[in-house]
Amino acid sequence: MTLILKNVFWIGEKFLKMSGIERQRNETFLIISKILKKNYLEVLINQEISISEKKKKQILKKIFQRLNGKPISRIFGLKEFYSREFFINSNSLDPRPETETLIDLIKKIELKNSNKRLRILDLGTGTGCIIISLAMELGKFKEVSGVGVDISSGAIDIANRNLMKFNLEDKIEIYRSNWFSEVNGKFDIIVSNPPYVDSNEIEKLDNGVKNFDPYVSLNGGKFGLECFKKISSIAGNFLKKNGYICVELGCGQKKDVQSIFTKNGFHKIIESKDFLNIDRVLVFKNKI
């Protein structure tokens, strides 16, 4: 049995609308386009085409997963970051657009830096999207190598899968480490998007976040600052001369994070806001 695509679209959109999904039309188009392996425009202008019962069931299965609050990125195991599509899994944080601020800032710094070789350490690498994006962006004009570490073996698995997807196995190594516990050597850049949500605030997060992002990737302890304390207490030992550390932070944390790093021998050199004008990234160097 075959069905007309516009009828399946109508069913999907109706269900998403009834469940309170705000962008129900766009999300229905997105689900259909991924199942049919067509781009958004092809789906939009070809609503009269026929699809099989099998495809209809696949589409509706994804629609019902979305009805239950599962983000589309989790449904398909893919998320776009810095114009590239990364694999994700239940052990990795869903890459956020605000984290792209970090990539933009480091690119800006390095365009002015005469150093032709860079070694980067990514703490809490998750999907590997940060270090992979940096390697691909900076690799256009510099020789880039590095290490990504994470405490989660599941995150390491997906990061290595992304590493292979972008053919960076010969430039980046990803392995399990509790922050610096298994790290050796020194780096030009240390970068981290650590857990920075206050433990007491996690239950207040959107269901798509608190129910599907791993708790360990969200939980920043008291006031969301514990990971910054751990990182700043030892990061200086792993920085090369003139190296710097770049961290993402949560809304309203700039003053506290800057104070934490200052107490551990760093001074702030640059800060940056994200696309919502929220203080999002701080860059520090050793005071010495």
Protein backbone atom coordinates (compact mmCIF):
# COMPACT_ATOMS: atom_id res chain seq x y z
CA MET A 1 0.00 0.00 0.00
CA THR A 2 1.26 3.47 -0.88
CA LEU A 3 0.26 6.81 0.60
CA ILE A 4 0.57 10.43 -0.52
CA LEU A 5 3.34 12.25 1.33
CA LYS A 6 1.21 15.28 2.18
CA ASN A 7 -1.22 13.04 4.10
CA VAL A 8 1.56 11.58 6.22
CA PHE A 9 2.89 15.09 6.77
CA TRP A 10 -0.56 16.26 7.89
CA ILE A 11 -0.80 13.41 10.42
CA GLY A 12 2.65 14.09 11.83
CA GLU A 13 2.13 17.83 12.10
CA LYS A 14 -1.24 17.34 13.78
CA PHE A 15 0.19 15.03 16.45
CA LEU A 16 3.12 17.34 17.20
CA LYS A 17 0.81 20.34 17.44
CA MET A 18 -1.49 18.50 19.85
CA SER A 19 1.47 17.67 22.07
CA GLY A 20 2.56 21.31 22.29
CA ILE A 21 5.65 21.13 20.08
CA GLU A 22 6.18 24.75 19.01
CA ARG A 23 7.83 24.26 15.61
CA GLN A 24 5.66 21.31 14.63
CA ARG A 25 5.67 22.06 10.89
CA ASN A 26 9.44 22.40 10.63
CA GLU A 27 10.07 19.37 12.83
CA THR A 28 7.69 17.22 10.78
CA PHE A 29 9.47 18.27 7.59
CA LEU A 30 12.82 17.50 9.21
CA ILE A 31 11.78 14.00 10.34
CA ILE A 32 10.32 13.16 6.93
CA SER A 33 13.35 14.47 5.06
CA LYS A 34 15.72 12.36 7.16
CA ILE A 35 13.64 9.18 6.72
CA LEU A 36 13.26 9.70 2.97
CA LYS A 37 16.89 10.88 2.63
CA LYS A 38 15.76 14.01 0.83
CA ASN A 39 16.58 17.61 1.63
CA TYR A 40 14.04 19.97 3.17
CA LEU A 41 13.21 21.65 -0.15
CA GLU A 42 12.62 18.36 -1.95
CA VAL A 43 10.08 17.35 0.68
CA LEU A 44 8.44 20.77 0.55
CA ILE A 45 7.85 20.80 -3.21
CA ASN A 46 7.07 17.11 -3.70
CA GLN A 47 4.12 16.58 -1.38
CA GLU A 48 2.15 14.64 -3.98
CA ILE A 49 4.67 11.79 -4.23
CA SER A 50 3.75 8.35 -2.97
CA ILE A 51 5.54 6.66 -0.08
CA SER A 52 5.35 3.07 1.08
CA GLU A 53 3.64 1.75 4.20
CA LYS A 54 7.09 0.89 5.56
CA LYS A 55 8.28 4.50 5.22
CA LYS A 56 5.05 5.76 6.77
CA LYS A 57 5.59 3.56 9.82
CA GLN A 58 9.20 4.74 10.13
CA ILE A 59 8.10 8.37 10.00
CA LEU A 60 5.31 7.92 12.53
CA LYS A 61 7.62 6.01 14.88
CA LYS A 62 9.96 9.01 14.94
CA ILE A 63 7.01 11.36 15.37
CA PHE A 64 5.86 9.45 18.45
CA GLN A 65 9.38 9.51 19.89
CA ARG A 66 9.26 13.28 19.51
CA LEU A 67 5.84 13.33 21.19
CA ASN A 68 7.49 11.72 24.21
CA GLY A 69 9.93 14.60 24.47
CA LYS A 70 12.95 13.06 22.78
CA PRO A 71 14.89 15.75 20.86
CA ILE A 72 15.26 15.18 17.13
CA SER A 73 19.04 15.03 17.53
CA ARG A 74 18.60 12.10 19.93
CA ILE A 75 16.05 10.39 17.70
CA PHE A 76 18.49 10.27 14.78
CA GLY A 77 21.76 10.24 16.75
CA LEU A 78 23.07 13.24 14.82
CA LYS A 79 23.55 16.93 15.61
CA GLU A 80 24.95 19.78 13.55
CA PHE A 81 27.77 21.80 15.06
CA TYR A 82 29.76 24.45 13.24
CA SER A 83 28.18 23.41 9.92
CA ARG A 84 29.22 19.78 10.34
CA GLU A 85 27.08 16.83 11.41
CA PHE A 86 28.32 14.85 14.41
CA PHE A 87 27.26 11.50 15.79
CA ILE A 88 25.87 11.67 19.33
CA ASN A 89 24.78 9.05 21.85
CA SER A 90 23.21 8.84 25.31
CA ASN A 91 26.63 9.32 26.93
CA SER A 92 27.42 12.62 25.23
CA LEU A 93 26.10 16.13 25.68
CA ASP A 94 24.05 17.38 22.75
CA PRO A 95 26.29 20.02 21.06
CA ARG A 96 24.87 23.53 21.49
CA PRO A 97 25.07 26.49 19.09
CA GLU A 98 26.35 28.71 21.91
CA THR A 99 29.46 26.53 22.11
CA GLU A 100 30.32 27.66 18.59
CA THR A 101 31.29 30.97 20.25
CA LEU A 102 34.31 29.14 21.64
CA ILE A 103 35.42 28.03 18.16
CA ASP A 104 34.95 31.55 16.78
CA LEU A 105 37.02 33.11 19.54
CA ILE A 106 39.95 30.69 19.23
CA LYS A 107 39.98 31.18 15.45
CA LYS A 108 40.13 34.94 16.02
CA ILE A 109 43.05 34.55 18.44
CA GLU A 110 44.99 32.19 16.19
CA LEU A 111 44.62 34.36 13.08
CA LYS A 112 46.81 36.87 14.92
CA ASN A 113 49.16 34.23 16.33
CA SER A 114 52.31 33.47 14.34
CA ASN A 115 52.65 29.97 15.83
CA LYS A 116 52.37 27.53 12.91
CA ARG A 117 51.98 24.41 15.03
CA LEU A 118 49.29 23.95 17.63
CA ARG A 119 48.72 21.21 20.16
CA ILE A 120 45.27 21.28 21.73
CA LEU A 121 43.79 19.54 24.79
CA ASP A 122 40.00 19.24 25.01
CA LEU A 123 38.80 18.45 28.55
CA GLY A 124 35.43 16.67 28.73
CA THR A 125 35.39 16.14 24.99
CA GLY A 126 31.96 14.46 24.76
CA THR A 127 31.22 14.02 21.04
CA GLY A 128 34.61 15.50 20.19
CA CYS A 129 32.88 18.31 18.32
CA ILE A 130 35.07 21.05 19.83
CA ILE A 131 38.51 19.61 19.16
CA ILE A 132 37.44 18.23 15.78
CA SER A 133 36.02 21.60 14.72
CA LEU A 134 39.16 23.38 15.90
CA ALA A 135 41.38 20.90 14.06
CA MET A 136 39.43 21.36 10.84
CA GLU A 137 39.12 25.13 11.07
CA LEU A 138 42.64 25.91 12.29
CA GLY A 139 44.08 23.15 10.14
CA LYS A 140 43.36 25.31 7.10
CA PHE A 141 46.40 27.43 7.96
CA LYS A 142 48.27 25.66 10.79
CA GLU A 143 49.51 22.21 11.70
CA VAL A 144 47.13 21.01 14.41
CA SER A 145 47.32 17.98 16.68
CA GLY A 146 45.79 17.24 20.04
CA VAL A 147 44.09 15.14 22.67
CA GLY A 148 40.48 14.88 23.76
CA VAL A 149 39.64 13.29 27.12
CA ASP A 150 36.44 12.37 28.90
CA ILE A 151 35.53 10.41 32.03
CA SER A 152 32.78 8.54 30.16
CA SER A 153 33.77 5.47 28.11
CA GLY A 154 30.55 5.86 26.13
CA ALA A 155 31.47 9.41 25.21
CA ILE A 156 34.93 8.26 24.17
CA ASP A 157 33.33 5.71 21.83
CA ILE A 158 31.23 8.32 20.04
CA ALA A 159 34.10 10.84 19.91
CA ASN A 160 36.32 8.25 18.25
CA ARG A 161 33.54 7.50 15.78
CA ASN A 162 33.42 11.20 14.88
CA LEU A 163 37.19 11.26 14.64
CA MET A 164 37.04 8.53 12.00
CA LYS A 165 34.19 10.27 10.19
CA PHE A 166 36.36 13.34 9.66
CA ASN A 167 39.58 11.37 9.03
CA LEU A 168 41.48 12.92 11.94
CA GLU A 169 42.80 9.75 13.63
CA ASP A 170 46.37 10.66 12.71
CA LYS A 171 46.10 14.14 14.26
CA ILE A 172 43.94 13.70 17.36
CA GLU A 173 43.96 11.09 20.10
CA ILE A 174 40.89 10.57 22.29
CA TYR A 175 40.94 8.55 25.49
CA ARG A 176 39.47 8.21 28.97
CA SER A 177 40.75 10.49 31.71
CA ASN A 178 39.33 12.20 34.80
CA TRP A 179 40.29 15.71 33.73
CA PHE A 180 44.12 15.65 33.72
CA SER A 181 44.59 12.27 35.44
CA GLU A 182 45.89 10.45 32.32
CA VAL A 183 47.16 13.47 30.40
CA ASN A 184 50.86 13.96 29.64
CA GLY A 185 52.78 16.79 28.03
CA LYS A 186 52.01 20.45 27.47
CA PHE A 187 49.65 22.21 25.11
CA ASP A 188 49.31 25.52 23.30
CA ILE A 189 45.58 25.57 23.95
CA ILE A 190 43.46 23.89 26.63
CA VAL A 191 39.77 24.10 25.89
CA SER A 192 36.76 22.92 27.88
CA ASN A 193 32.99 23.08 27.96
CA PRO A 194 32.69 21.56 31.44
CA PRO A 195 29.50 20.72 33.35
CA TYR A 196 28.36 24.06 34.78
CA VAL A 197 24.74 23.62 35.88
CA ASP A 198 24.10 24.00 39.61
CA SER A 199 23.16 20.57 41.02
CA ASN A 200 20.00 22.08 42.51
CA GLU A 201 18.92 23.54 39.17
CA ILE A 202 19.07 20.43 37.00
CA GLU A 203 15.48 19.41 37.76
CA LYS A 204 14.32 22.80 36.49
CA LEU A 205 15.87 22.31 33.06
CA ASP A 206 13.83 21.63 29.93
CA ASN A 207 12.72 17.99 29.71
CA GLY A 208 14.65 17.51 26.48
CA VAL A 209 17.82 18.40 28.37
CA LYS A 210 17.39 16.84 31.82
CA ASN A 211 15.90 13.60 30.47
CA PHE A 212 18.29 13.02 27.58
CA ASP A 213 21.61 14.76 28.25
CA PRO A 214 23.82 12.69 30.58
CA TYR A 215 23.67 13.89 34.19
CA VAL A 216 27.47 13.83 34.51
CA SER A 217 27.73 16.27 31.59
CA LEU A 218 25.34 18.74 33.22
CA ASN A 219 26.17 18.57 36.92
CA GLY A 220 28.60 21.31 37.90
CA GLY A 221 28.12 20.80 41.62
CA LYS A 222 27.50 23.68 44.03
CA PHE A 223 26.61 26.82 42.07
CA GLY A 224 27.83 25.00 38.94
CA LEU A 225 31.43 25.98 39.71
CA GLU A 226 33.11 22.78 40.93
CA CYS A 227 34.58 21.74 37.58
CA PHE A 228 36.14 25.17 37.05
CA LYS A 229 37.86 24.80 40.42
CA LYS A 230 39.25 21.39 39.51
CA ILE A 231 40.44 22.47 36.07
CA SER A 232 42.04 25.74 37.15
CA SER A 233 43.88 24.13 40.08
CA ILE A 234 46.15 22.13 37.77
CA ALA A 235 45.76 23.42 34.20
CA GLY A 236 48.83 25.66 34.47
CA ASN A 237 51.07 22.58 34.63
CA PHE A 238 49.89 21.52 31.18
CA LEU A 239 50.23 24.81 29.33
CA LYS A 240 53.21 25.72 27.19
CA LYS A 241 54.77 29.14 27.56
CA ASN A 242 52.34 31.67 26.07
CA GLY A 243 49.66 28.95 25.98
CA TYR A 244 46.12 29.71 27.09
CA ILE A 245 43.00 28.03 28.43
CA CYS A 246 39.57 28.73 26.98
CA VAL A 247 36.40 27.75 28.88
CA GLU A 248 32.69 27.95 28.25
CA LEU A 249 30.55 29.08 31.19
CA GLY A 250 26.93 29.37 32.14
CA CYS A 251 24.74 32.45 32.33
CA GLY A 252 25.76 34.73 35.21
CA GLN A 253 28.96 32.84 36.04
CA LYS A 254 31.56 35.18 34.55
CA LYS A 255 32.55 36.95 37.76
CA ASP A 256 32.83 33.73 39.79
CA VAL A 257 34.73 31.79 37.11
CA GLN A 258 37.17 34.66 36.60
CA SER A 259 37.76 34.81 40.37
CA ILE A 260 38.40 31.05 40.54
CA PHE A 261 41.02 31.17 37.80
CA THR A 262 42.64 34.30 39.22
CA LYS A 263 43.08 32.59 42.61
CA ASN A 264 44.84 29.71 40.80
CA GLY A 265 47.44 31.89 39.10
CA PHE A 266 45.74 32.92 35.86
CA HIS A 267 44.76 36.26 34.37
CA LYS A 268 41.95 36.84 31.92
CA ILE A 269 42.99 38.00 28.47
CA ILE A 270 39.76 37.83 26.44
CA GLU A 271 36.04 37.28 26.95
CA SER A 272 33.20 36.76 24.50
CA LYS A 273 29.42 36.79 24.45
CA ASP A 274 27.28 34.32 22.52
CA PHE A 275 24.60 35.06 19.91
CA LEU A 276 22.12 35.86 22.71
CA ASN A 277 24.52 38.45 24.19
CA ILE A 278 25.25 36.20 27.19
CA ASP A 279 28.79 36.05 28.60
CA ARG A 280 29.81 32.62 27.32
CA VAL A 281 33.60 32.23 26.96
CA LEU A 282 36.63 33.30 29.00
CA VAL A 283 40.28 32.93 28.00
CA PHE A 284 43.10 32.85 30.57
CA LYS A 285 46.89 32.76 30.62
CA ASN A 286 49.31 31.97 33.42
CA LYS A 287 50.34 35.09 35.31
CA ILE A 288 54.02 34.12 35.15
